[in-house]
Amino acid sequence: MEFEKLRQVIAEVLNVDPKEITMETTFMEDLGADSLDIFQIVMGIEEEFDIEIPAEKAEHITTVEEAVQLIKSSISMAE
């Protein structure tokens, strides 16, 4: 479930086909995202999942899988 929602956020921010996004996809190398794009994706994640992601953790996200893991851990900490 987290992956599907995340994929939509990424697709909207980067204007890419959601089908191109897999768990192994990297934001910068595969999708051509820059630091501003990553920031917008993190903002979208926070809004979509009603969580807060610390900047120091967001800086280290390089793949979609890492983002999903961060979302899952943030959700479980919020409960």
N, C-alpha and C. Protein backbone atom coordinates (compact mmCIF):
# COMPACT_ATOMS: atom_id res chain seq x y z
N MET A 1 0.83 -1.19 0.00
CA MET A 1 0.00 0.00 0.00
C MET A 1 0.88 1.26 0.00
N GLU A 2 1.91 1.29 0.85
CA GLU A 2 2.78 2.46 0.89
C GLU A 2 3.45 2.70 -0.47
N PHE A 3 3.86 1.59 -1.09
CA PHE A 3 4.55 1.71 -2.38
C PHE A 3 3.65 2.35 -3.43
N GLU A 4 2.39 1.91 -3.50
CA GLU A 4 1.47 2.46 -4.51
C GLU A 4 1.25 3.96 -4.31
N LYS A 5 1.04 4.37 -3.07
CA LYS A 5 0.83 5.79 -2.79
C LYS A 5 2.11 6.58 -3.10
N LEU A 6 3.25 6.04 -2.69
CA LEU A 6 4.52 6.70 -2.94
C LEU A 6 4.77 6.84 -4.43
N ARG A 7 4.47 5.80 -5.16
CA ARG A 7 4.67 5.82 -6.62
C ARG A 7 3.86 6.95 -7.25
N GLN A 8 2.65 7.17 -6.77
CA GLN A 8 1.82 8.26 -7.31
C GLN A 8 2.43 9.62 -6.98
N VAL A 9 2.92 9.77 -5.75
CA VAL A 9 3.55 11.04 -5.36
C VAL A 9 4.75 11.32 -6.26
N ILE A 10 5.61 10.31 -6.43
CA ILE A 10 6.81 10.48 -7.26
C ILE A 10 6.42 10.81 -8.69
N ALA A 11 5.45 10.10 -9.24
CA ALA A 11 5.02 10.31 -10.62
C ALA A 11 4.51 11.74 -10.82
N GLU A 12 3.76 12.24 -9.85
CA GLU A 12 3.22 13.60 -9.96
C GLU A 12 4.33 14.65 -9.88
N VAL A 13 5.25 14.48 -8.95
CA VAL A 13 6.32 15.47 -8.78
C VAL A 13 7.26 15.48 -9.99
N LEU A 14 7.61 14.30 -10.48
CA LEU A 14 8.61 14.21 -11.54
C LEU A 14 8.03 14.08 -12.95
N ASN A 15 6.71 14.04 -13.05
CA ASN A 15 6.05 13.87 -14.35
C ASN A 15 6.56 12.64 -15.11
N VAL A 16 6.57 11.51 -14.41
CA VAL A 16 6.97 10.25 -15.04
C VAL A 16 5.82 9.26 -14.96
N ASP A 17 5.88 8.24 -15.80
CA ASP A 17 4.88 7.18 -15.78
C ASP A 17 5.08 6.35 -14.51
N PRO A 18 4.03 6.17 -13.71
CA PRO A 18 4.17 5.37 -12.49
C PRO A 18 4.70 3.96 -12.76
N LYS A 19 4.45 3.44 -13.94
CA LYS A 19 4.91 2.09 -14.28
C LYS A 19 6.44 2.01 -14.35
N GLU A 20 7.10 3.15 -14.52
CA GLU A 20 8.57 3.18 -14.58
C GLU A 20 9.19 3.06 -13.20
N ILE A 21 8.39 3.23 -12.15
CA ILE A 21 8.91 3.29 -10.78
C ILE A 21 8.77 1.93 -10.11
N THR A 22 9.92 1.37 -9.70
CA THR A 22 9.93 0.11 -8.97
C THR A 22 10.61 0.35 -7.62
N MET A 23 10.65 -0.68 -6.79
CA MET A 23 11.31 -0.55 -5.49
C MET A 23 12.80 -0.26 -5.67
N GLU A 24 13.40 -0.74 -6.75
CA GLU A 24 14.83 -0.56 -6.98
C GLU A 24 15.18 0.77 -7.65
N THR A 25 14.17 1.50 -8.09
CA THR A 25 14.40 2.77 -8.78
C THR A 25 15.13 3.76 -7.88
N THR A 26 16.16 4.40 -8.45
CA THR A 26 16.86 5.46 -7.71
C THR A 26 16.31 6.82 -8.17
N PHE A 27 16.22 7.72 -7.23
CA PHE A 27 15.64 9.02 -7.55
C PHE A 27 16.52 9.83 -8.50
N MET A 28 17.80 9.90 -8.21
CA MET A 28 18.67 10.75 -9.03
C MET A 28 19.11 10.08 -10.31
N GLU A 29 19.64 8.86 -10.22
CA GLU A 29 20.17 8.20 -11.42
C GLU A 29 19.06 7.78 -12.39
N ASP A 30 18.03 7.07 -11.87
CA ASP A 30 16.99 6.54 -12.77
C ASP A 30 15.95 7.58 -13.18
N LEU A 31 15.58 8.44 -12.24
CA LEU A 31 14.50 9.39 -12.51
C LEU A 31 14.98 10.81 -12.78
N GLY A 32 16.27 11.06 -12.61
CA GLY A 32 16.81 12.39 -12.88
C GLY A 32 16.39 13.46 -11.91
N ALA A 33 16.02 13.06 -10.69
CA ALA A 33 15.58 14.03 -9.69
C ALA A 33 16.77 14.81 -9.14
N ASP A 34 16.53 16.08 -8.82
CA ASP A 34 17.56 16.87 -8.14
C ASP A 34 17.12 17.08 -6.68
N SER A 35 17.89 17.82 -5.93
CA SER A 35 17.59 17.98 -4.50
C SER A 35 16.24 18.66 -4.26
N LEU A 36 15.86 19.58 -5.13
CA LEU A 36 14.55 20.22 -5.00
C LEU A 36 13.42 19.22 -5.25
N ASP A 37 13.61 18.36 -6.26
CA ASP A 37 12.61 17.31 -6.53
C ASP A 37 12.45 16.39 -5.32
N ILE A 38 13.58 16.01 -4.73
CA ILE A 38 13.54 15.13 -3.56
C ILE A 38 12.78 15.81 -2.43
N PHE A 39 13.04 17.10 -2.23
CA PHE A 39 12.34 17.87 -1.19
C PHE A 39 10.83 17.85 -1.45
N GLN A 40 10.43 18.06 -2.71
CA GLN A 40 9.01 18.05 -3.06
C GLN A 40 8.39 16.67 -2.84
N ILE A 41 9.15 15.62 -3.14
CA ILE A 41 8.65 14.26 -2.92
C ILE A 41 8.46 14.02 -1.42
N VAL A 42 9.43 14.44 -0.61
CA VAL A 42 9.32 14.28 0.84
C VAL A 42 8.10 15.04 1.36
N MET A 43 7.89 16.24 0.87
CA MET A 43 6.70 17.02 1.28
C MET A 43 5.42 16.26 0.90
N GLY A 44 5.40 15.69 -0.30
CA GLY A 44 4.25 14.92 -0.74
C GLY A 44 4.02 13.69 0.12
N ILE A 45 5.12 13.03 0.51
CA ILE A 45 5.03 11.86 1.39
C ILE A 45 4.43 12.27 2.73
N GLU A 46 4.93 13.36 3.29
CA GLU A 46 4.44 13.82 4.59
C GLU A 46 2.95 14.13 4.54
N GLU A 47 2.53 14.74 3.46
CA GLU A 47 1.11 15.08 3.30
C GLU A 47 0.26 13.83 3.08
N GLU A 48 0.70 12.96 2.20
CA GLU A 48 -0.06 11.75 1.84
C GLU A 48 -0.22 10.79 3.02
N PHE A 49 0.84 10.64 3.81
CA PHE A 49 0.83 9.66 4.89
C PHE A 49 0.62 10.28 6.27
N ASP A 50 0.51 11.61 6.33
CA ASP A 50 0.31 12.33 7.59
C ASP A 50 1.41 11.97 8.59
N ILE A 51 2.65 12.08 8.11
CA ILE A 51 3.81 11.81 8.95
C ILE A 51 4.80 12.96 8.78
N GLU A 52 5.80 12.99 9.64
CA GLU A 52 6.87 13.98 9.51
C GLU A 52 8.19 13.25 9.35
N ILE A 53 8.94 13.63 8.33
CA ILE A 53 10.23 13.01 8.06
C ILE A 53 11.32 14.02 8.38
N PRO A 54 12.17 13.70 9.35
CA PRO A 54 13.27 14.62 9.69
C PRO A 54 14.18 14.85 8.50
N ALA A 55 14.66 16.07 8.34
CA ALA A 55 15.51 16.43 7.20
C ALA A 55 16.75 15.56 7.11
N GLU A 56 17.33 15.21 8.27
CA GLU A 56 18.55 14.40 8.23
C GLU A 56 18.29 12.99 7.68
N LYS A 57 17.07 12.48 7.87
CA LYS A 57 16.73 11.18 7.29
C LYS A 57 16.40 11.33 5.81
N ALA A 58 15.71 12.38 5.45
CA ALA A 58 15.32 12.60 4.06
C ALA A 58 16.53 12.76 3.15
N GLU A 59 17.59 13.34 3.68
CA GLU A 59 18.81 13.56 2.87
C GLU A 59 19.45 12.26 2.40
N HIS A 60 19.19 11.17 3.11
CA HIS A 60 19.85 9.90 2.81
C HIS A 60 19.02 8.96 1.96
N ILE A 61 17.84 9.39 1.52
CA ILE A 61 16.99 8.55 0.70
C ILE A 61 17.52 8.57 -0.74
N THR A 62 17.87 7.41 -1.26
CA THR A 62 18.35 7.36 -2.64
C THR A 62 17.47 6.48 -3.53
N THR A 63 16.78 5.50 -2.92
CA THR A 63 15.93 4.61 -3.71
C THR A 63 14.50 4.65 -3.21
N VAL A 64 13.60 4.16 -4.05
CA VAL A 64 12.19 4.08 -3.68
C VAL A 64 12.03 3.15 -2.47
N GLU A 65 12.78 2.05 -2.46
CA GLU A 65 12.68 1.11 -1.34
C GLU A 65 13.06 1.77 -0.01
N GLU A 66 14.11 2.59 -0.02
CA GLU A 66 14.50 3.30 1.19
C GLU A 66 13.38 4.25 1.65
N ALA A 67 12.72 4.88 0.71
CA ALA A 67 11.61 5.78 1.05
C ALA A 67 10.46 5.00 1.67
N VAL A 68 10.15 3.83 1.10
CA VAL A 68 9.07 2.98 1.64
C VAL A 68 9.40 2.56 3.07
N GLN A 69 10.65 2.15 3.31
CA GLN A 69 11.05 1.74 4.66
C GLN A 69 10.94 2.91 5.64
N LEU A 70 11.33 4.09 5.19
CA LEU A 70 11.23 5.27 6.04
C LEU A 70 9.77 5.59 6.36
N ILE A 71 8.90 5.46 5.38
CA ILE A 71 7.46 5.69 5.59
C ILE A 71 6.93 4.69 6.61
N LYS A 72 7.26 3.41 6.43
CA LYS A 72 6.77 2.37 7.34
C LYS A 72 7.25 2.62 8.77
N SER A 73 8.52 2.97 8.94
CA SER A 73 9.03 3.21 10.29
C SER A 73 8.41 4.46 10.89
N SER A 74 8.17 5.49 10.08
CA SER A 74 7.55 6.72 10.57
C SER A 74 6.10 6.48 10.98
N ILE A 75 5.40 5.65 10.23
CA ILE A 75 4.01 5.33 10.57
C ILE A 75 3.95 4.53 11.87
N SER A 76 4.83 3.56 12.01
CA SER A 76 4.80 2.74 13.23
C SER A 76 5.20 3.55 14.46
N MET A 77 6.10 4.52 14.30
CA MET A 77 6.49 5.37 15.43
C MET A 77 5.36 6.32 15.81
N ALA A 78 4.52 6.68 14.85
CA ALA A 78 3.43 7.62 15.12
C ALA A 78 2.26 6.94 15.83
N GLU A 79 2.20 5.62 15.75
CA GLU A 79 1.06 4.90 16.34
C GLU A 79 1.19 4.73 17.83
